Protein backbone atom coordinates (compact mmCIF):
# COMPACT_ATOMS: atom_id res chain seq x y z
CA MET A 1 0.00 0.00 0.00
CA ALA A 2 1.14 3.53 -0.79
CA ILE A 3 -0.33 6.76 0.48
CA LYS A 4 -1.03 8.95 -2.54
CA THR A 5 -4.20 10.72 -1.41
CA ILE A 6 -5.17 12.07 2.01
CA LEU A 7 -8.52 13.46 3.15
CA ALA A 8 -8.65 15.79 6.16
CA GLY A 9 -11.95 16.65 7.80
CA VAL A 10 -12.04 20.33 8.76
CA SER A 11 -14.68 21.92 10.96
CA GLY A 12 -12.78 25.01 12.03
CA GLY A 13 -12.35 24.04 15.68
CA THR A 14 -9.19 23.15 17.59
CA ALA A 15 -9.61 19.50 16.62
CA SER A 16 -9.45 20.20 12.89
CA ASN A 17 -6.52 22.59 13.35
CA GLY A 18 -4.43 19.73 14.70
CA ALA A 19 -5.68 17.41 11.96
CA VAL A 20 -4.80 19.92 9.21
CA ASP A 21 -1.27 20.44 10.53
CA LEU A 22 -0.68 16.69 10.78
CA ALA A 23 -2.25 16.00 7.37
CA CYS A 24 -0.05 18.65 5.73
CA ARG A 25 3.07 17.11 7.22
CA LEU A 26 2.05 13.66 5.99
CA ALA A 27 1.28 14.97 2.50
CA VAL A 28 4.81 16.37 2.31
CA GLN A 29 6.31 13.21 3.82
CA PHE A 30 4.59 10.84 1.38
CA GLY A 31 4.41 13.15 -1.64
CA ALA A 32 0.62 12.84 -1.49
CA HIS A 33 -2.30 15.03 -2.50
CA LEU A 34 -4.25 16.44 0.44
CA GLU A 35 -7.91 17.43 0.20
CA ALA A 36 -9.64 19.34 2.98
CA LEU A 37 -13.32 18.50 3.36
CA HIS A 38 -15.67 20.93 5.07
CA VAL A 39 -19.34 20.04 5.52
CA ARG A 40 -21.73 22.98 5.84
CA VAL A 41 -25.06 22.84 7.60
CA ASP A 42 -27.90 21.77 5.33
CA VAL A 43 -30.88 24.05 6.03
CA GLU A 44 -33.42 21.52 4.74
CA ASP A 45 -31.98 18.78 6.96
CA LEU A 46 -31.98 21.19 9.90
CA MET A 47 -35.67 21.96 9.39
CA LEU A 48 -36.58 18.29 9.00
CA SER A 49 -34.69 17.35 12.16
CA ALA A 50 -36.33 20.14 14.11
CA GLY A 51 -39.75 19.07 12.88
CA ALA A 52 -39.13 15.47 13.86
CA THR A 53 -38.30 16.54 17.41
CA GLY A 54 -41.22 18.98 17.68
CA PHE A 55 -38.93 22.03 17.84
CA ALA A 56 -40.39 24.98 15.94
CA LEU A 57 -38.13 27.00 13.62
CA PRO A 58 -38.95 30.21 11.76
CA LEU A 59 -39.75 29.51 8.12
CA ASP A 60 -39.35 32.96 6.56
CA GLY A 61 -36.78 33.47 3.80
CA ARG A 62 -34.68 35.90 5.82
CA TRP A 63 -33.91 33.27 8.43
CA ILE A 64 -32.93 30.73 5.76
CA ASP A 65 -30.77 33.30 3.95
CA GLU A 66 -29.04 34.22 7.21
CA ILE A 67 -28.23 30.59 8.06
CA THR A 68 -26.94 29.99 4.52
CA ALA A 69 -24.84 33.17 4.52
CA ASN A 70 -23.31 32.37 7.92
CA ALA A 71 -22.43 28.84 6.76
CA ALA A 72 -20.78 30.21 3.62
CA ALA A 73 -18.81 32.80 5.60
CA THR A 74 -17.62 30.13 8.02
CA ALA A 75 -16.54 27.90 5.13
CA ASP A 76 -14.60 30.78 3.53
CA LYS A 77 -12.82 31.48 6.81
CA ILE A 78 -11.88 27.83 7.31
CA LYS A 79 -10.72 27.55 3.69
CA ALA A 80 -8.45 30.57 4.09
CA SER A 81 -6.92 28.99 7.20
CA PHE A 82 -6.35 25.73 5.33
CA VAL A 83 -4.75 27.47 2.34
CA GLU A 84 -2.41 29.29 4.74
CA ALA A 85 -1.48 26.03 6.50
CA ALA A 86 -0.79 24.29 3.18
CA ALA A 87 1.43 27.18 2.05
CA ARG A 88 3.29 27.10 5.36
CA HIS A 89 4.15 23.44 4.70
CA GLY A 90 5.13 24.11 1.09
CA LEU A 91 2.08 22.44 -0.45
CA PRO A 92 0.88 24.19 -3.62
CA PHE A 93 -2.86 24.83 -3.76
CA VAL A 94 -4.31 23.27 -6.90
CA ALA A 95 -7.75 22.86 -8.43
CA ALA A 96 -7.36 19.11 -8.92
CA PRO A 97 -4.88 16.39 -7.84
CA GLU A 98 -1.79 15.87 -9.97
CA PRO A 99 -0.59 12.24 -9.96
CA GLY A 100 2.75 11.83 -8.24
CA LYS A 101 2.84 15.39 -6.89
CA ALA A 102 2.21 16.70 -3.39
CA GLY A 103 -0.45 19.37 -3.33
CA ALA A 104 -3.57 20.60 -1.59
CA SER A 105 -7.16 21.25 -2.61
CA TRP A 106 -10.47 22.18 -1.03
CA HIS A 107 -13.93 20.61 -1.13
CA ASP A 108 -17.05 21.69 0.73
CA GLU A 109 -20.63 20.49 0.61
CA ALA A 110 -23.82 20.68 2.63
CA GLY A 111 -25.10 17.74 4.62
CA ASP A 112 -24.56 15.61 7.68
CA ALA A 113 -20.83 15.78 8.46
CA PRO A 114 -20.20 12.19 9.68
CA VAL A 115 -22.06 10.71 6.70
CA ALA A 116 -20.39 13.03 4.18
CA VAL A 117 -16.90 12.36 5.54
CA ALA A 118 -17.38 8.57 5.45
CA ARG A 119 -18.79 8.70 1.92
CA ARG A 120 -15.99 10.81 0.45
CA ALA A 121 -13.27 9.02 2.43
CA ARG A 122 -13.81 5.85 0.39
CA PHE A 123 -11.74 7.33 -2.43
CA PHE A 124 -8.68 8.30 -0.38
CA ASP A 125 -5.77 6.22 0.93
CA LEU A 126 -5.85 7.82 4.38
CA VAL A 127 -8.36 9.87 6.37
CA VAL A 128 -7.14 12.34 9.00
CA LEU A 129 -9.66 13.46 11.59
CA GLY A 130 -9.23 15.53 14.72
CA ARG A 131 -10.32 14.71 18.24
CA SER A 132 -10.83 17.74 20.43
CA ASP A 133 -10.59 17.88 24.20
CA ARG A 134 -14.39 18.08 24.28
CA VAL A 135 -14.68 14.37 23.51
CA VAL A 136 -12.08 13.11 25.95
CA ASP A 137 -13.48 10.14 27.91
CA LYS A 138 -16.48 9.88 25.58
CA PRO A 139 -16.94 6.57 23.76
CA HIS A 140 -16.50 8.00 20.29
CA SER A 141 -16.76 10.91 17.92
CA ASP A 142 -19.56 10.44 15.37
CA ALA A 143 -17.30 11.40 12.45
CA ILE A 144 -14.53 9.04 13.58
CA GLU A 145 -16.93 6.15 14.12
CA GLN A 146 -18.72 6.65 10.81
CA ALA A 147 -15.44 6.90 8.90
CA LEU A 148 -14.19 3.70 10.52
CA LEU A 149 -17.35 1.69 9.99
CA GLN A 150 -18.55 3.04 6.63
CA SER A 151 -15.54 4.14 4.56
CA GLY A 152 -13.39 1.02 4.53
CA ARG A 153 -10.30 3.22 4.84
CA PRO A 154 -7.69 3.66 7.59
CA VAL A 155 -8.33 6.64 9.85
CA LEU A 156 -5.60 8.66 11.51
CA VAL A 157 -6.97 10.39 14.61
CA SER A 158 -5.01 13.49 15.49
CA PRO A 159 -4.96 15.11 18.94
CA ALA A 160 -5.59 18.85 19.05
CA GLU A 161 -1.83 19.34 19.45
CA PRO A 162 -0.03 16.63 17.45
CA PRO A 163 3.59 15.78 18.30
CA ALA A 164 6.48 17.46 16.51
CA ALA A 165 7.38 14.17 14.81
CA ILE A 166 5.16 11.30 13.71
CA GLY A 167 6.11 7.80 12.64
CA GLU A 168 9.66 7.72 13.98
CA THR A 169 8.73 5.25 16.73
CA VAL A 170 5.60 3.23 15.97
CA ALA A 171 3.73 0.99 18.40
CA ILE A 172 1.35 -1.64 17.01
CA GLY A 173 -1.40 -3.06 19.21
CA TRP A 174 -1.52 -6.74 18.26
CA ASN A 175 -4.08 -9.37 19.23
CA GLY A 176 -4.14 -11.50 16.09
CA SER A 177 -7.59 -10.30 15.03
CA VAL A 178 -8.69 -9.45 11.48
CA GLN A 179 -8.87 -5.80 12.54
CA ALA A 180 -5.29 -5.91 13.81
CA VAL A 181 -4.09 -7.45 10.54
CA ARG A 182 -5.78 -4.72 8.52
CA ALA A 183 -4.26 -2.04 10.73
CA LEU A 184 -0.83 -3.63 10.35
CA VAL A 185 -1.10 -3.59 6.55
CA ALA A 186 -2.41 0.00 6.53
CA SER A 187 0.57 1.09 8.63
CA LEU A 188 3.26 -0.28 6.27
CA PRO A 189 3.98 3.12 4.64
CA PHE A 190 4.74 4.45 8.13
CA LEU A 191 6.65 1.36 9.26
CA ARG A 192 9.03 1.48 6.30
CA ARG A 193 10.09 4.97 7.39
CA ALA A 194 10.16 4.35 11.16
CA ARG A 195 13.36 4.16 13.18
CA GLN A 196 11.79 1.75 15.68
CA THR A 197 8.73 -0.50 15.61
CA PHE A 198 7.22 -2.21 18.64
CA ILE A 199 4.52 -4.88 18.50
CA ILE A 200 2.63 -4.80 21.79
CA GLU A 201 0.50 -7.72 22.94
CA VAL A 202 -1.66 -7.30 26.03
CA GLY A 203 -2.36 -10.60 27.77
CA GLU A 204 -0.83 -14.03 27.44
CA ALA A 205 1.98 -14.18 24.89
CA ASP A 206 0.96 -15.65 21.54
CA THR A 207 4.13 -17.61 20.77
CA LYS A 208 2.69 -18.94 17.50
CA SER A 209 1.85 -15.60 15.85
CA ALA A 210 4.95 -13.61 16.82
CA PRO A 211 7.54 -15.36 14.54
CA PRO A 212 5.43 -15.24 11.33
CA LEU A 213 4.48 -11.64 12.16
CA ARG A 214 8.15 -10.64 12.41
CA ASP A 215 8.89 -12.57 9.20
CA TYR A 216 6.07 -10.76 7.38
CA LEU A 217 7.36 -7.36 8.45
CA GLY A 218 10.91 -8.38 7.60
CA MET A 219 9.84 -9.06 4.01
CA HIS A 220 8.76 -5.42 3.90
CA GLY A 221 12.07 -4.22 5.30
CA VAL A 222 10.73 -3.61 8.81
CA SER A 223 12.51 -4.83 11.93
CA ALA A 224 10.19 -5.06 14.94
CA THR A 225 10.48 -5.85 18.63
CA VAL A 226 7.66 -7.84 20.23
CA ARG A 227 6.67 -6.86 23.74
CA ASN A 228 4.13 -8.75 25.82
CA VAL A 229 2.28 -6.90 28.57
CA LEU A 230 0.57 -9.06 31.17
CA LYS A 231 -2.94 -8.06 32.14
CA VAL A 232 -3.10 -6.19 35.43
CA PRO A 233 -6.73 -5.79 36.58
CA PRO A 234 -8.57 -3.49 36.91
CA VAL A 235 -6.72 -1.67 34.09
CA GLY A 236 -8.23 -2.65 30.74
CA PRO A 237 -6.25 -3.66 27.64
CA GLY A 238 -6.72 -0.22 26.07
CA GLY A 239 -5.17 1.53 29.04
CA GLN A 240 -2.29 -0.94 29.19
CA LEU A 241 -1.66 -0.59 25.46
CA LEU A 242 -1.45 3.18 25.78
CA ALA A 243 0.89 2.95 28.78
CA ALA A 244 3.20 0.52 26.97
CA ALA A 245 3.26 2.72 23.84
CA ARG A 246 4.22 5.74 25.94
CA GLU A 247 6.95 3.76 27.71
CA GLU A 248 8.51 2.92 24.35
CA GLY A 249 8.43 6.58 23.30
CA ALA A 250 5.97 5.97 20.46
CA ASP A 251 4.75 8.94 18.43
CA LEU A 252 2.17 6.83 16.57
CA LEU A 253 -0.07 4.00 17.78
CA VAL A 254 -1.56 1.52 15.32
CA MET A 255 -4.50 -0.70 16.21
CA GLY A 256 -7.59 -2.42 14.88
CA ALA A 257 -10.88 -0.87 15.98
CA TYR A 258 -14.13 -2.35 17.24
CA GLY A 259 -13.30 -6.00 17.71
CA GLN A 260 -16.75 -6.02 19.31
CA ALA A 261 -19.80 -4.34 17.84
CA PRO A 262 -19.66 -0.56 18.56
CA TRP A 263 -22.80 -0.67 20.70
CA ARG A 264 -21.18 -3.34 22.89
CA GLU A 265 -18.06 -1.20 23.21
CA ALA A 266 -20.20 1.78 24.23
CA LEU A 267 -22.08 -0.25 26.82
CA PHE A 268 -19.33 -2.43 28.20
CA GLY A 269 -16.15 -0.55 27.36
CA GLY A 270 -13.34 -1.83 25.16
CA ALA A 271 -9.89 -1.03 23.88
CA THR A 272 -11.23 1.16 21.05
CA ARG A 273 -13.32 3.28 23.38
CA THR A 274 -10.45 3.71 25.84
CA VAL A 275 -7.78 4.53 23.29
CA VAL A 276 -9.85 6.89 21.10
CA GLY A 277 -11.25 8.61 24.17
CA THR A 278 -8.01 9.18 26.08
CA SER A 279 -4.94 8.93 23.85
CA LEU A 280 -2.78 11.99 23.31
CA LEU A 281 -0.87 10.09 20.61
CA PRO A 282 -1.90 10.11 16.96
CA LEU A 283 -3.80 6.87 16.28
CA LEU A 284 -3.87 4.92 13.02
CA ILE A 285 -6.96 2.71 13.27
CA THR A 286 -8.93 0.46 10.93
CA HIS A 287 -12.02 -1.70 11.17
């Protein structure tokens, strides 16, 4: 897998600021085209939602024009900020992607943001989304969850303040699941550039999967160290994975997401919920 196209979701808040900065750096690093996606409020959807909940909204044209004008002004402001960020990282702003060249472009549309992001993300190699401090300790962000479950693409979750470097020391959460395998494959472009790679298993050591896993990575030019972390109740596997990644000095954590159904994770907890909700590291996750 190669990363040639990157989609960054931009809302204009602190979360998207971190995502834009990280996405720009990755576009330069991989020589990829970066598209910023902004989803404006859809007035018709807003009115339908309000009607469904019994909340009355004014229906005169002035109110609709005001909402539309405010949404357009917000989009213009966010676009200007994105263009400035791209220029700061040396990414030329172009109308359309140019194969084999790093660049940046803008796309905005009206609709439901989580749905729109997941739909457009299907045609990009990597999706970069921000996670603001407002969703710390919450089970998920709607945009992150929808992108994971509906796009079929790897998602890189950026903290509001991403680290100065990314991908120099990579930690991979490994449990032998299909999700973990997909995350491992999605991370290969990062692993080939990393100085150090750690494979972290939480629980009893899987002596059968470790040798073929190292052999597989070796065929891709990646040397990895396997570390087993014994379970220490009451700390869950997500918390232990994060702690082990920090101990190894990782600046990127790779893991499969939602080994259980999302509603079970929300009700009963799980590694995905813990890691997405509390990690200050960039996360590369797949489903």
